[in-house]
């Protein structure tokens, strides 16, 4: 109990110190009625409600405030295409369209409460309609990235027993190629123009659907979302989230990490198949009454990002650390971002060098946060906190975060261990419900009183959490434990390096050594390889401890990455160890 209180008291004091925000819309005062209520649930001041539905309890309430003139005139949703087309919805329009979409799912598709639907779509407005429509109808949504292969799609359909799939013209052939093995699938819904044999057309059905829909009354712990997430072994796991976990769990981080208000416009670049899209393109901004801005970029291009931040009144920007790296390499100092005032990142550790360069080029800090598909935000560099470059920040309510050893015991500050969340005597309401159909994995995620994240870290004397690396990424060389992130961070500080991935490589003397896979900047491609390798090794020795330098370096044209842009160290590591 003493440890728990030590973790919580600073957070509660920080929230109390945060300035109260008010806004004037049509000369009437708007307070954070909605956000503050659910923020109190996160802080433990109020109980989790027995019944909760994000569509009716949050979105529809913002609609009412909008109608009453008690909300700034920002749209709820603002979408632009790469050709300059725009779609804008108020909360009232979002409500009406999502009710129509809910009727499409229930009536045209024949889906009932509790049924599951796989949605594989790029950043198109229909994806957001489907999110809200599923909430209204009590249907469980399973998002997937557009980069899934036919084999990936088949696995997700079989494992989830989904009765419906919705996708676009580009992926429809992949779905059709596996239909013979999908015994649970009943309905195929396509988002696109024209007809396709065996498919229902979402746009056509939406155009004639009724907007008269009564939102189902869901309990807080009823299932809402399933995300497939890859582990270190085996096939992807199904992470089940309830209506309250994501629906209420982002109230604190939305307001104090993303610093969102009803006057803000937030742009998060995440692919719709990545959980960060749910975090920062649905739940966090909308529980704060903010505008969700979306640019339908087929590919990530730094110049398009910079031009968009210059052209549109975006106040809050979120993208992955790798993307920030690409932006600072592009050098955005010549652009002007007149509305931008807050930047955040997550998904992987942020290199301190990137943070510093972004600050120099834009004048804006990057506030790093940390969490998993299984959680809401666990730690973050929140409003009013001193940013320690390289740190995830401090625990976010309701989480009590500690560093634990292999037996689940809390280790002293400054000592490395596993980043863990206390789940006993009471499991946080915003932690995932379970790994669906995998009770063994669910049970194995808890050790003692803690849920284990699988990430290694250190807590300093001020309570900041520092990332070391994934437990399976740690390199143990001659007794020295080396986290790949620190070596990668040192490497990309060198002007020759665009990207770097560090893994363990077998060694007959040390057991394993550090190996770096490096993508070179164009100007250095023709340099003498041996001399450049030596130069990089010496650079790492100077920036980090000498024992951490990469004893092996390989220059590559590109690094293997996931659909969400994360470097797949595991792929490189497996190739190295396959040589033994």
Protein backbone atom coordinates (compact mmCIF):
# COMPACT_ATOMS: atom_id res chain seq x y z
CA UNK A 1 0.00 0.00 0.00
CA UNK A 2 2.85 2.40 0.81
CA UNK A 3 4.38 1.89 -2.66
CA UNK A 4 0.99 2.44 -4.25
CA UNK A 5 0.46 5.75 -2.45
CA UNK A 6 3.97 6.95 -3.31
CA UNK A 7 3.16 6.37 -6.97
CA UNK A 8 -0.21 8.06 -6.87
CA UNK A 9 0.30 11.12 -4.66
CA UNK A 10 2.59 12.98 -7.12
CA UNK A 11 0.12 12.31 -9.92
CA UNK A 12 -2.85 13.59 -7.95
CA UNK A 13 -0.92 16.72 -6.94
CA UNK A 14 0.09 17.27 -10.57
CA UNK A 15 -3.54 17.06 -11.70
CA UNK A 16 -4.65 19.46 -8.96
CA UNK A 17 -1.96 21.94 -10.03
CA UNK A 18 -3.04 21.82 -13.68
CA UNK A 19 -4.81 24.99 -14.72
CA UNK A 20 -8.56 24.71 -15.14
CA UNK A 21 -9.53 25.46 -18.73
CA UNK A 22 -12.66 27.26 -19.83
CA UNK A 23 -13.82 28.34 -23.26
CA UNK A 24 -16.31 30.83 -24.61
CA UNK A 25 -18.62 29.72 -27.39
CA UNK A 26 -21.47 32.08 -28.35
CA UNK A 27 -20.69 33.96 -25.13
CA UNK A 28 -21.60 30.95 -23.04
CA UNK A 29 -19.15 29.23 -20.74
CA UNK A 30 -18.05 25.70 -21.64
CA UNK A 31 -16.34 23.66 -18.97
CA UNK A 32 -14.91 20.19 -19.22
CA UNK A 33 -18.11 18.57 -18.01
CA UNK A 34 -17.61 15.39 -20.00
CA UNK A 35 -13.84 15.03 -19.80
CA UNK A 36 -13.63 15.93 -16.12
CA UNK A 37 -16.28 13.38 -15.17
CA UNK A 38 -14.38 10.49 -16.73
CA UNK A 39 -11.05 11.88 -15.59
CA UNK A 40 -12.37 11.45 -12.05
CA UNK A 41 -13.02 7.78 -12.81
CA UNK A 42 -9.39 7.39 -13.91
CA UNK A 43 -8.20 9.04 -10.71
CA UNK A 44 -10.32 6.72 -8.57
CA UNK A 45 -12.55 9.53 -7.30
CA UNK A 46 -15.58 7.96 -8.97
CA UNK A 47 -16.52 4.36 -9.63
CA UNK A 48 -16.55 2.94 -13.12
CA UNK A 49 -20.19 3.18 -14.24
CA UNK A 50 -22.10 -0.08 -14.56
CA UNK A 51 -23.20 0.90 -18.07
CA UNK A 52 -21.13 2.85 -20.57
CA UNK A 53 -21.11 3.41 -24.31
CA UNK A 54 -18.73 5.91 -25.87
CA UNK A 55 -21.18 6.79 -28.65
CA UNK A 56 -24.11 7.70 -26.40
CA UNK A 57 -22.27 8.78 -23.23
CA UNK A 58 -19.56 10.89 -24.88
CA UNK A 59 -20.18 11.68 -28.55
CA UNK A 60 -23.91 12.35 -28.22
CA UNK A 61 -23.26 14.63 -25.24
CA UNK A 62 -20.80 16.68 -27.29
CA UNK A 63 -23.51 16.84 -29.96
CA UNK A 64 -25.90 18.35 -27.43
CA UNK A 65 -23.34 20.92 -26.28
CA UNK A 66 -22.71 21.73 -29.94
CA UNK A 67 -26.43 22.26 -30.55
CA UNK A 68 -26.66 24.45 -27.45
CA UNK A 69 -23.83 26.65 -28.70
CA UNK A 70 -21.62 25.69 -25.77
CA UNK A 71 -18.76 24.26 -27.82
CA UNK A 72 -16.20 25.96 -30.11
CA UNK A 73 -17.05 25.76 -33.81
CA UNK A 74 -14.40 23.15 -34.66
CA UNK A 75 -15.67 20.13 -36.57
CA UNK A 76 -15.53 16.73 -34.90
CA UNK A 77 -13.86 15.20 -37.94
CA UNK A 78 -11.82 16.76 -40.74
CA UNK A 79 -10.46 14.57 -43.52
CA UNK A 80 -8.36 15.57 -46.53
CA UNK A 81 -7.18 13.40 -49.40
CA UNK A 82 -3.86 13.54 -51.21
CA UNK A 83 -5.77 15.28 -54.03
CA UNK A 84 -7.10 18.04 -51.78
CA UNK A 85 -10.65 16.71 -51.32
CA UNK A 86 -12.14 17.42 -47.90
CA UNK A 87 -14.79 15.94 -45.62
CA UNK A 88 -15.91 17.76 -42.48
CA UNK A 89 -18.43 16.51 -39.93
CA UNK A 90 -19.78 18.23 -36.87
CA UNK A 91 -20.54 16.02 -33.87
CA UNK A 92 -24.19 16.16 -34.93
CA UNK A 93 -23.34 14.97 -38.45
CA UNK A 94 -21.04 12.26 -37.09
CA UNK A 95 -23.90 11.12 -34.88
CA UNK A 96 -26.42 11.00 -37.70
CA UNK A 97 -24.13 9.21 -40.14
CA UNK A 98 -22.96 6.69 -37.54
CA UNK A 99 -26.58 5.87 -36.69
CA UNK A 100 -27.21 5.21 -40.37
CA UNK A 101 -24.09 3.03 -40.46
CA UNK A 102 -25.28 1.13 -37.39
CA UNK A 103 -28.54 0.36 -39.21
CA UNK A 104 -26.53 -0.86 -42.23
CA UNK A 105 -24.66 -3.32 -40.01
CA UNK A 106 -27.76 -4.51 -38.17
CA UNK A 107 -30.32 -4.58 -40.96
CA UNK A 108 -28.48 -5.02 -44.27
CA UNK A 109 -25.63 -7.14 -42.89
CA UNK A 110 -27.72 -9.02 -40.35
CA UNK A 111 -25.24 -8.51 -37.50
CA UNK A 112 -26.40 -8.74 -33.92
CA UNK A 113 -25.04 -7.45 -30.65
CA UNK A 114 -21.83 -9.31 -29.76
CA UNK A 115 -21.03 -10.30 -33.36
CA UNK A 116 -17.57 -9.50 -34.67
CA UNK A 117 -16.58 -7.55 -37.76
CA UNK A 118 -13.10 -7.27 -39.32
CA UNK A 119 -12.41 -3.83 -40.82
CA UNK A 120 -9.43 -3.50 -43.14
CA UNK A 121 -9.44 -0.01 -44.58
CA UNK A 122 -6.97 2.79 -45.23
CA UNK A 123 -7.50 6.26 -43.75
CA UNK A 124 -10.95 6.86 -45.25
CA UNK A 125 -13.89 8.52 -43.44
CA UNK A 126 -15.86 5.28 -43.48
CA UNK A 127 -13.41 3.74 -41.00
CA UNK A 128 -14.41 6.30 -38.38
CA UNK A 129 -18.10 5.79 -39.10
CA UNK A 130 -17.69 2.05 -38.61
CA UNK A 131 -15.95 2.60 -35.27
CA UNK A 132 -18.88 4.57 -33.90
CA UNK A 133 -21.51 2.43 -35.62
CA UNK A 134 -20.14 -0.70 -33.97
CA UNK A 135 -20.30 0.98 -30.56
CA UNK A 136 -23.93 1.95 -31.18
CA UNK A 137 -24.91 -1.56 -32.28
CA UNK A 138 -22.83 -3.42 -29.68
CA UNK A 139 -20.79 -5.09 -32.44
CA UNK A 140 -17.15 -5.93 -31.71
CA UNK A 141 -14.76 -4.21 -34.14
CA UNK A 142 -11.49 -5.87 -35.24
CA UNK A 143 -9.28 -3.35 -37.10
CA UNK A 144 -6.54 -4.50 -39.46
CA UNK A 145 -3.93 -2.76 -41.57
CA UNK A 146 -4.30 -2.56 -45.34
CA UNK A 147 -0.92 -4.28 -45.67
CA UNK A 148 -2.32 -7.63 -44.51
CA UNK A 149 -1.84 -10.51 -46.92
CA UNK A 150 -4.49 -13.08 -47.84
CA UNK A 151 -2.90 -15.46 -45.32
CA UNK A 152 -3.08 -12.79 -42.59
CA UNK A 153 -6.71 -12.09 -43.37
CA UNK A 154 -7.62 -15.77 -43.29
CA UNK A 155 -5.95 -16.23 -39.91
CA UNK A 156 -7.85 -13.27 -38.44
CA UNK A 157 -11.18 -14.41 -39.82
CA UNK A 158 -10.71 -17.95 -38.53
CA UNK A 159 -9.35 -16.98 -35.10
CA UNK A 160 -11.95 -14.29 -34.42
CA UNK A 161 -14.93 -16.14 -35.96
CA UNK A 162 -15.94 -12.80 -37.47
CA UNK A 163 -19.28 -12.83 -39.29
CA UNK A 164 -18.54 -9.81 -41.47
CA UNK A 165 -15.57 -8.20 -43.18
CA UNK A 166 -15.40 -4.70 -44.59
CA UNK A 167 -12.64 -3.60 -46.92
CA UNK A 168 -12.02 -1.77 -50.19
CA UNK A 169 -11.60 -2.72 -53.86
CA UNK A 170 -7.84 -3.21 -53.48
CA UNK A 171 -8.13 -5.91 -50.80
CA UNK A 172 -11.36 -7.57 -51.92
CA UNK A 173 -9.52 -10.07 -54.20
CA UNK A 174 -7.35 -11.20 -51.24
CA UNK A 175 -10.49 -11.86 -49.21
CA UNK A 176 -12.11 -13.74 -52.08
CA UNK A 177 -9.05 -15.97 -52.43
CA UNK A 178 -9.58 -17.42 -48.94
CA UNK A 179 -13.39 -17.56 -48.81
CA UNK A 180 -13.53 -21.34 -49.02
CA UNK A 181 -11.82 -21.59 -45.63
CA UNK A 182 -13.88 -18.95 -43.80
CA UNK A 183 -16.77 -20.95 -42.38
CA UNK A 184 -17.93 -18.21 -39.99
CA UNK A 185 -18.02 -15.32 -42.48
CA UNK A 186 -21.56 -14.44 -43.58
CA UNK A 187 -21.33 -10.94 -45.05
CA UNK A 188 -18.82 -9.01 -47.13
CA UNK A 189 -19.07 -5.22 -47.17
CA UNK A 190 -17.08 -3.11 -49.59
CA UNK A 191 -16.20 0.58 -49.39
CA UNK A 192 -15.82 1.85 -52.92
CA UNK A 193 -17.62 2.83 -56.07
CA UNK A 194 -19.76 0.44 -58.08
CA UNK A 195 -20.69 -3.14 -57.39
CA UNK A 196 -18.79 -6.36 -56.88
CA UNK A 197 -20.33 -9.82 -57.05
CA UNK A 198 -21.12 -11.21 -53.62
CA UNK A 199 -20.40 -7.94 -51.82
CA UNK A 200 -22.71 -5.33 -50.30
CA UNK A 201 -21.75 -1.73 -51.07
CA UNK A 202 -21.42 0.34 -47.90
CA UNK A 203 -21.88 3.76 -49.53
CA UNK A 204 -25.00 2.70 -51.38
CA UNK A 205 -26.54 1.21 -48.26
CA UNK A 206 -25.59 4.23 -46.15
CA UNK A 207 -27.30 6.57 -48.61
CA UNK A 208 -30.69 4.93 -48.09
CA UNK A 209 -30.35 3.92 -44.41
CA UNK A 210 -32.44 5.52 -41.70
CA UNK A 211 -30.77 7.78 -39.12
CA UNK A 212 -33.27 6.58 -36.53
CA UNK A 213 -31.27 4.28 -34.26
CA UNK A 214 -31.39 3.56 -30.56
CA UNK A 215 -27.93 2.96 -29.10
CA UNK A 216 -27.66 -0.37 -27.28
CA UNK A 217 -27.16 -0.24 -23.53
CA UNK A 218 -23.74 -1.80 -23.01
CA UNK A 219 -22.15 -2.65 -19.69
CA UNK A 220 -18.74 -1.12 -19.08
CA UNK A 221 -17.04 -4.51 -19.26
CA UNK A 222 -18.83 -5.69 -22.42
CA UNK A 223 -16.42 -6.37 -25.33
CA UNK A 224 -15.87 -3.48 -27.75
CA UNK A 225 -12.58 -4.02 -29.62
CA UNK A 226 -10.26 -6.86 -30.55
CA UNK A 227 -6.72 -6.14 -31.73
CA UNK A 228 -4.34 -8.74 -33.06
CA UNK A 229 -0.90 -8.16 -31.62
CA UNK A 230 2.31 -10.03 -32.35
CA UNK A 231 4.29 -11.55 -29.52
CA UNK A 232 7.80 -12.94 -29.36
CA UNK A 233 6.56 -16.43 -30.21
CA UNK A 234 3.60 -17.97 -32.00
CA UNK A 235 0.79 -16.41 -34.00
CA UNK A 236 -0.68 -12.98 -33.22
CA UNK A 237 -2.80 -12.86 -30.06
CA UNK A 238 -6.30 -11.39 -29.78
CA UNK A 239 -6.35 -8.58 -27.22
CA UNK A 240 -9.88 -7.89 -26.00
CA UNK A 241 -10.81 -4.38 -24.84
CA UNK A 242 -14.06 -3.41 -23.16
CA UNK A 243 -16.28 -0.39 -23.67
CA UNK A 244 -14.87 1.34 -20.60
CA UNK A 245 -11.19 0.44 -21.00
CA UNK A 246 -10.52 2.56 -24.07
CA UNK A 247 -13.72 4.63 -23.87
CA UNK A 248 -12.94 6.08 -20.43
CA UNK A 249 -9.26 5.21 -20.02
CA UNK A 250 -7.92 8.02 -22.20
CA UNK A 251 -9.57 10.89 -20.31
CA UNK A 252 -6.44 11.75 -18.28
CA UNK A 253 -3.87 11.26 -21.04
CA UNK A 254 -6.08 13.00 -23.60
CA UNK A 255 -6.33 16.09 -21.44
CA UNK A 256 -2.88 16.16 -19.84
CA UNK A 257 -0.53 14.30 -22.21
CA UNK A 258 -2.09 15.32 -25.53
CA UNK A 259 -3.27 18.60 -23.90
CA UNK A 260 -6.51 18.48 -25.87
CA UNK A 261 -9.45 20.87 -25.50
CA UNK A 262 -12.60 21.44 -27.58
CA UNK A 263 -10.67 24.19 -29.40
CA UNK A 264 -7.91 21.86 -30.59
CA UNK A 265 -7.37 20.07 -33.89
CA UNK A 266 -5.36 16.88 -33.56
CA UNK A 267 -3.55 15.07 -36.33
CA UNK A 268 -2.28 11.57 -35.66
CA UNK A 269 -0.62 9.89 -38.65
CA UNK A 270 -1.15 6.28 -37.52
CA UNK A 271 -2.42 3.64 -39.89
CA UNK A 272 -5.96 2.55 -39.05
CA UNK A 273 -4.75 -0.97 -38.32
CA UNK A 274 -2.47 0.20 -35.50
CA UNK A 275 -3.86 0.61 -32.01
CA UNK A 276 -2.50 4.17 -31.88
CA UNK A 277 -5.27 5.11 -34.32
CA UNK A 278 -7.82 4.12 -31.66
CA UNK A 279 -5.84 5.98 -29.00
CA UNK A 280 -5.24 9.29 -30.75
CA UNK A 281 -7.67 9.36 -33.68
CA UNK A 282 -10.80 8.23 -31.85
CA UNK A 283 -10.98 8.03 -28.07
CA UNK A 284 -8.55 10.60 -26.65
CA UNK A 285 -9.50 13.53 -28.90
CA UNK A 286 -13.24 12.87 -28.88
CA UNK A 287 -13.53 12.43 -25.11
CA UNK A 288 -11.98 15.93 -24.97
CA UNK A 289 -14.35 17.31 -27.63
CA UNK A 290 -11.47 17.96 -30.04
CA UNK A 291 -11.36 17.75 -33.82
CA UNK A 292 -9.82 14.62 -35.35
CA UNK A 293 -7.80 15.64 -38.42
CA UNK A 294 -6.84 12.98 -40.97
CA UNK A 295 -4.67 13.14 -44.09
CA UNK A 296 -5.17 10.10 -46.28
CA UNK A 297 -1.50 9.67 -47.19
CA UNK A 298 -0.84 6.45 -49.14
CA UNK A 299 2.84 6.77 -48.19
CA UNK A 300 4.73 8.68 -45.52
CA UNK A 301 6.51 11.64 -47.09
CA UNK A 302 8.20 14.23 -44.85
CA UNK A 303 7.48 17.04 -47.30
CA UNK A 304 3.75 16.21 -47.28
CA UNK A 305 3.73 16.18 -43.47
CA UNK A 306 5.47 19.55 -43.31
CA UNK A 307 3.21 21.11 -45.95
CA UNK A 308 0.09 19.85 -44.17
CA UNK A 309 1.22 21.27 -40.81
CA UNK A 310 1.83 24.57 -42.60
CA UNK A 311 -1.47 24.69 -44.47
CA UNK A 312 -4.00 23.50 -41.88
CA UNK A 313 -4.68 24.87 -38.35
CA UNK A 314 -3.41 21.72 -36.62
CA UNK A 315 -2.61 22.40 -32.97
CA UNK A 316 -1.56 18.92 -31.82
CA UNK A 317 0.56 16.51 -33.85
CA UNK A 318 1.32 12.86 -33.14
CA UNK A 319 3.53 10.55 -35.15
CA UNK A 320 5.95 7.70 -34.55
CA UNK A 321 9.58 8.32 -33.45
CA UNK A 322 10.80 6.94 -36.78
CA UNK A 323 8.66 9.52 -38.56
CA UNK A 324 10.03 12.36 -36.41
CA UNK A 325 13.50 11.11 -37.34
CA UNK A 326 12.61 11.34 -41.03
CA UNK A 327 11.21 14.83 -40.52
CA UNK A 328 14.31 16.20 -38.81
CA UNK A 329 16.50 14.58 -41.47
CA UNK A 330 14.37 16.38 -44.06
CA UNK A 331 14.89 19.58 -41.98
CA UNK A 332 11.58 21.35 -41.46
CA UNK A 333 13.15 24.57 -40.18
CA UNK A 334 12.26 26.38 -43.41
CA UNK A 335 8.53 25.70 -42.86
CA UNK A 336 6.22 27.69 -40.64
CA UNK A 337 3.67 25.86 -38.51
CA UNK A 338 1.50 28.77 -37.28
CA UNK A 339 -0.99 26.74 -35.24
CA UNK A 340 1.18 23.89 -33.94
CA UNK A 341 1.72 24.06 -30.19
CA UNK A 342 2.05 20.47 -28.94
CA UNK A 343 3.70 17.30 -30.27
CA UNK A 344 3.55 13.75 -28.92
CA UNK A 345 4.93 10.37 -29.87
CA UNK A 346 4.74 6.73 -28.87
CA UNK A 347 5.01 3.18 -30.10
CA UNK A 348 8.78 2.92 -29.72
CA UNK A 349 11.43 4.84 -27.82
CA UNK A 350 12.27 8.36 -29.01
CA UNK A 351 15.91 9.17 -29.61
CA UNK A 352 17.01 12.24 -27.56
CA UNK A 353 18.87 13.58 -30.61
CA UNK A 354 15.61 13.65 -32.59
CA UNK A 355 13.82 15.44 -29.76
CA UNK A 356 16.56 18.09 -29.63
CA UNK A 357 16.62 18.65 -33.39
CA UNK A 358 12.82 18.90 -33.61
CA UNK A 359 12.88 21.54 -30.87
CA UNK A 360 15.55 23.50 -32.75
CA UNK A 361 13.73 23.24 -36.09
CA UNK A 362 10.18 23.97 -34.85
CA UNK A 363 10.44 25.43 -31.36
CA UNK A 364 8.07 22.71 -30.06
CA UNK A 365 8.90 19.91 -27.64
CA UNK A 366 7.94 16.29 -28.24
CA UNK A 367 6.13 14.68 -25.29
CA UNK A 368 6.79 10.97 -25.33
CA UNK A 369 4.27 8.48 -24.00
CA UNK A 370 4.26 4.74 -23.51
CA UNK A 371 1.64 2.04 -23.56
CA UNK A 372 0.61 -1.17 -25.25
CA UNK A 373 -2.32 -2.65 -27.13
CA UNK A 374 -3.22 -4.24 -23.78
CA UNK A 375 -3.30 -0.91 -21.95
CA UNK A 376 -4.14 2.73 -22.28
CA UNK A 377 -1.30 5.18 -21.66
CA UNK A 378 0.96 3.74 -18.95
CA UNK A 379 3.56 6.52 -18.69
CA UNK A 380 3.90 9.92 -20.34
CA UNK A 381 5.68 13.25 -20.27
CA UNK A 382 2.58 15.16 -19.30
CA UNK A 383 1.59 18.77 -19.08
CA UNK A 384 3.74 20.77 -16.68
CA UNK A 385 6.36 18.04 -16.25
CA UNK A 386 10.04 18.51 -16.91
CA UNK A 387 10.98 16.53 -20.01
CA UNK A 388 13.93 14.24 -19.51
CA UNK A 389 15.15 13.32 -23.02
CA UNK A 390 15.04 9.56 -23.47
CA UNK A 391 12.50 8.99 -20.70
CA UNK A 392 8.90 7.81 -21.08
CA UNK A 393 7.88 10.18 -18.28
CA UNK A 394 5.91 9.20 -15.20
CA UNK A 395 3.00 6.82 -14.56
CA UNK A 396 -0.45 7.95 -15.69
CA UNK A 397 -3.50 7.36 -13.43
CA UNK A 398 -4.98 4.88 -12.73
CA UNK A 399 -1.76 2.91 -13.16
CA UNK A 400 0.73 2.15 -10.41
CA UNK A 401 3.85 1.38 -12.46
CA UNK A 402 6.89 -0.31 -10.97
CA UNK A 403 10.07 -2.02 -12.12
CA UNK A 404 10.07 -5.67 -11.01
CA UNK A 405 12.36 -8.67 -11.09
CA UNK A 406 11.66 -12.16 -12.46
CA UNK A 407 9.63 -13.07 -9.35
CA UNK A 408 7.48 -9.93 -9.58
CA UNK A 409 9.19 -8.14 -6.67
CA UNK A 410 9.78 -4.39 -6.95
CA UNK A 411 13.48 -3.58 -7.48
CA UNK A 412 15.28 -0.52 -6.05
CA UNK A 413 15.23 2.73 -8.00
CA UNK A 414 17.98 2.83 -10.60
CA UNK A 415 18.00 -0.94 -11.02
CA UNK A 416 16.93 -2.56 -14.27
CA UNK A 417 13.90 -4.85 -14.43
CA UNK A 418 10.60 -5.38 -16.21
CA UNK A 419 8.16 -2.48 -16.53
CA UNK A 420 5.03 -3.69 -14.75
CA UNK A 421 1.56 -2.51 -13.74
CA UNK A 422 0.08 -3.40 -10.35
CA UNK A 423 -3.08 -5.50 -10.77
CA UNK A 424 -3.61 -6.73 -7.19
CA UNK A 425 -5.53 -6.24 -5.03
CA UNK A 426 -7.52 -4.43 -7.74
CA UNK A 427 -7.05 -4.77 -11.50
CA UNK A 428 -7.16 -1.37 -13.28
CA UNK A 429 -10.39 -1.07 -15.27
CA UNK A 430 -8.55 0.13 -18.38
CA UNK A 431 -6.27 -2.89 -18.65
CA UNK A 432 -7.28 -5.37 -21.35
CA UNK A 433 -9.90 -7.97 -20.48
CA UNK A 434 -7.97 -11.01 -21.69
CA UNK A 435 -6.08 -12.65 -24.52
CA UNK A 436 -9.15 -14.09 -26.18
CA UNK A 437 -9.25 -17.91 -26.32
CA UNK A 438 -5.81 -18.03 -24.71
CA UNK A 439 -6.18 -18.38 -20.93
CA UNK A 440 -2.61 -19.66 -20.58
CA UNK A 441 -1.18 -16.49 -22.11
CA UNK A 442 -3.52 -14.33 -20.04
CA UNK A 443 -2.37 -16.03 -16.84
CA UNK A 444 1.30 -15.86 -17.85
CA UNK A 445 1.10 -12.07 -18.28
CA UNK A 446 0.77 -11.69 -14.49
CA UNK A 447 3.59 -12.36 -12.05
CA UNK A 448 2.84 -11.82 -8.37
CA UNK A 449 0.89 -8.59 -8.04
CA UNK A 450 1.85 -7.24 -11.46
CA UNK A 451 0.99 -7.37 -15.14
CA UNK A 452 4.29 -7.68 -17.01
CA UNK A 453 4.69 -5.54 -20.12
CA UNK A 454 7.65 -7.51 -21.43
CA UNK A 455 9.65 -4.28 -21.71
CA UNK A 456 12.79 -3.69 -19.69
CA UNK A 457 13.29 -0.38 -17.95
CA UNK A 458 14.62 1.62 -15.02
CA UNK A 459 12.88 4.06 -12.66
CA UNK A 460 14.97 6.99 -11.50
CA UNK A 461 14.76 8.80 -8.14
CA UNK A 462 12.14 11.23 -9.47
CA UNK A 463 9.85 8.43 -10.66
CA UNK A 464 10.61 8.74 -14.37
CA UNK A 465 10.63 5.51 -16.38
CA UNK A 466 13.54 4.86 -18.76
CA UNK A 467 13.24 2.28 -21.52
CA UNK A 468 16.05 -0.27 -21.95
CA UNK A 469 14.52 -2.60 -24.54
CA UNK A 470 12.20 -5.50 -25.08
CA UNK A 471 13.08 -8.40 -22.85
CA UNK A 472 13.86 -10.55 -25.87
CA UNK A 473 15.92 -7.79 -27.54
CA UNK A 474 18.44 -7.43 -24.71
CA UNK A 475 21.98 -8.38 -25.75
CA UNK A 476 24.04 -10.24 -23.16
CA UNK A 477 27.66 -9.97 -24.29
CA UNK A 478 30.30 -11.47 -21.97
CA UNK A 479 28.07 -10.71 -19.01
CA UNK A 480 27.26 -7.16 -20.08
CA UNK A 481 23.56 -6.50 -20.73
CA UNK A 482 23.17 -4.11 -23.63
CA UNK A 483 19.91 -2.52 -24.77
CA UNK A 484 19.76 -1.99 -28.54
CA UNK A 485 18.02 1.36 -28.31
CA UNK A 486 20.97 3.17 -26.75
CA UNK A 487 23.34 1.92 -29.46
CA UNK A 488 20.85 2.81 -32.19
CA UNK A 489 20.46 6.28 -30.69
CA UNK A 490 24.21 6.80 -30.75
CA UNK A 491 24.49 5.63 -34.34
CA UNK A 492 21.84 7.93 -35.79
CA UNK A 493 23.59 10.93 -34.26
CA UNK A 494 26.31 10.33 -36.87
CA UNK A 495 25.66 12.20 -40.16
CA UNK A 496 26.33 9.05 -42.18
CA UNK A 497 23.42 7.15 -40.63
CA UNK A 498 19.80 7.48 -41.72
CA UNK A 499 18.47 4.49 -39.79
CA UNK A 500 19.94 1.74 -37.65
CA UNK A 501 18.81 -1.50 -36.04
CA UNK A 502 20.88 -3.30 -33.42
CA UNK A 503 20.58 -6.99 -32.56
CA UNK A 504 22.62 -9.75 -30.99
CA UNK A 505 24.92 -11.81 -33.16
CA UNK A 506 26.55 -15.13 -32.14
CA UNK A 507 30.18 -15.02 -31.05
CA UNK A 508 32.35 -17.98 -29.98
CA UNK A 509 34.08 -16.02 -27.20
CA UNK A 510 31.47 -13.62 -25.82
CA UNK A 511 28.40 -15.72 -26.52
CA UNK A 512 26.87 -12.85 -28.43
CA UNK A 513 27.98 -9.43 -29.56
CA UNK A 514 26.32 -6.26 -30.77
CA UNK A 515 25.66 -6.08 -34.50
CA UNK A 516 24.34 -2.97 -36.24
CA UNK A 517 22.44 -2.90 -39.52
CA UNK A 518 22.85 0.59 -40.94
CA UNK A 519 21.09 2.50 -43.72
CA UNK A 520 23.52 5.13 -45.00
CA UNK A 521 22.79 8.67 -46.10
CA UNK A 522 23.26 9.01 -49.90
CA UNK A 523 26.39 11.15 -49.51
CA UNK A 524 28.18 8.35 -47.64
CA UNK A 525 27.25 5.37 -49.80
CA UNK A 526 30.43 5.59 -51.87
CA UNK A 527 32.76 5.96 -48.86
CA UNK A 528 35.27 3.28 -47.98
CA UNK A 529 33.27 0.71 -46.02
CA UNK A 530 36.03 -0.39 -43.64
CA UNK A 531 36.96 3.14 -42.71
CA UNK A 532 33.33 4.12 -42.22
CA UNK A 533 32.67 1.08 -40.00
CA UNK A 534 35.65 2.00 -37.84
CA UNK A 535 34.46 5.59 -37.65
CA UNK A 536 30.98 4.51 -36.54
CA UNK A 537 32.41 2.15 -33.94
CA UNK A 538 34.57 4.87 -32.47
CA UNK A 539 31.61 7.24 -32.47
CA UNK A 540 29.50 4.81 -30.45
CA UNK A 541 32.34 4.26 -28.00
CA UNK A 542 32.45 7.99 -27.35
CA UNK A 543 28.70 8.45 -27.03
CA UNK A 544 28.01 5.35 -24.94
CA UNK A 545 30.03 3.00 -22.76
CA UNK A 546 32.87 1.40 -24.79
CA UNK A 547 31.57 -2.12 -24.28
CA UNK A 548 28.36 -1.25 -26.12
CA UNK A 549 29.90 -0.48 -29.49
CA UNK A 550 28.83 -2.69 -32.43
CA UNK A 551 31.58 -5.22 -33.09
CA UNK A 552 29.81 -6.06 -36.34
CA UNK A 553 28.35 -3.56 -38.80
CA UNK A 554 26.45 -4.32 -41.99
CA UNK A 555 25.27 -1.68 -44.45
CA UNK A 556 21.80 -2.33 -45.90
CA UNK A 557 19.48 -0.47 -48.25
CA UNK A 558 16.49 -0.77 -45.91
CA UNK A 559 15.42 -2.27 -42.60
CA UNK A 560 12.55 -4.74 -42.17
CA UNK A 561 9.55 -3.04 -40.62
CA UNK A 562 6.04 -3.85 -39.48
CA UNK A 563 2.99 -2.40 -41.19
CA UNK A 564 3.05 0.40 -38.63
CA UNK A 565 6.66 1.35 -39.33
CA UNK A 566 8.35 -0.30 -36.35
CA UNK A 567 11.74 -1.86 -37.04
CA UNK A 568 11.58 -5.65 -36.83
CA UNK A 569 14.74 -6.45 -34.91
CA UNK A 570 13.50 -10.01 -34.55
CA UNK A 571 13.78 -10.61 -38.31
CA UNK A 572 17.41 -9.46 -38.32
CA UNK A 573 18.24 -11.35 -35.15
CA UNK A 574 16.79 -14.59 -36.52
CA UNK A 575 18.92 -14.29 -39.66
CA UNK A 576 22.02 -13.79 -37.58
CA UNK A 577 21.41 -16.79 -35.36
CA UNK A 578 20.40 -18.97 -38.30
CA UNK A 579 24.03 -18.79 -39.44
CA UNK A 580 25.21 -20.79 -36.42
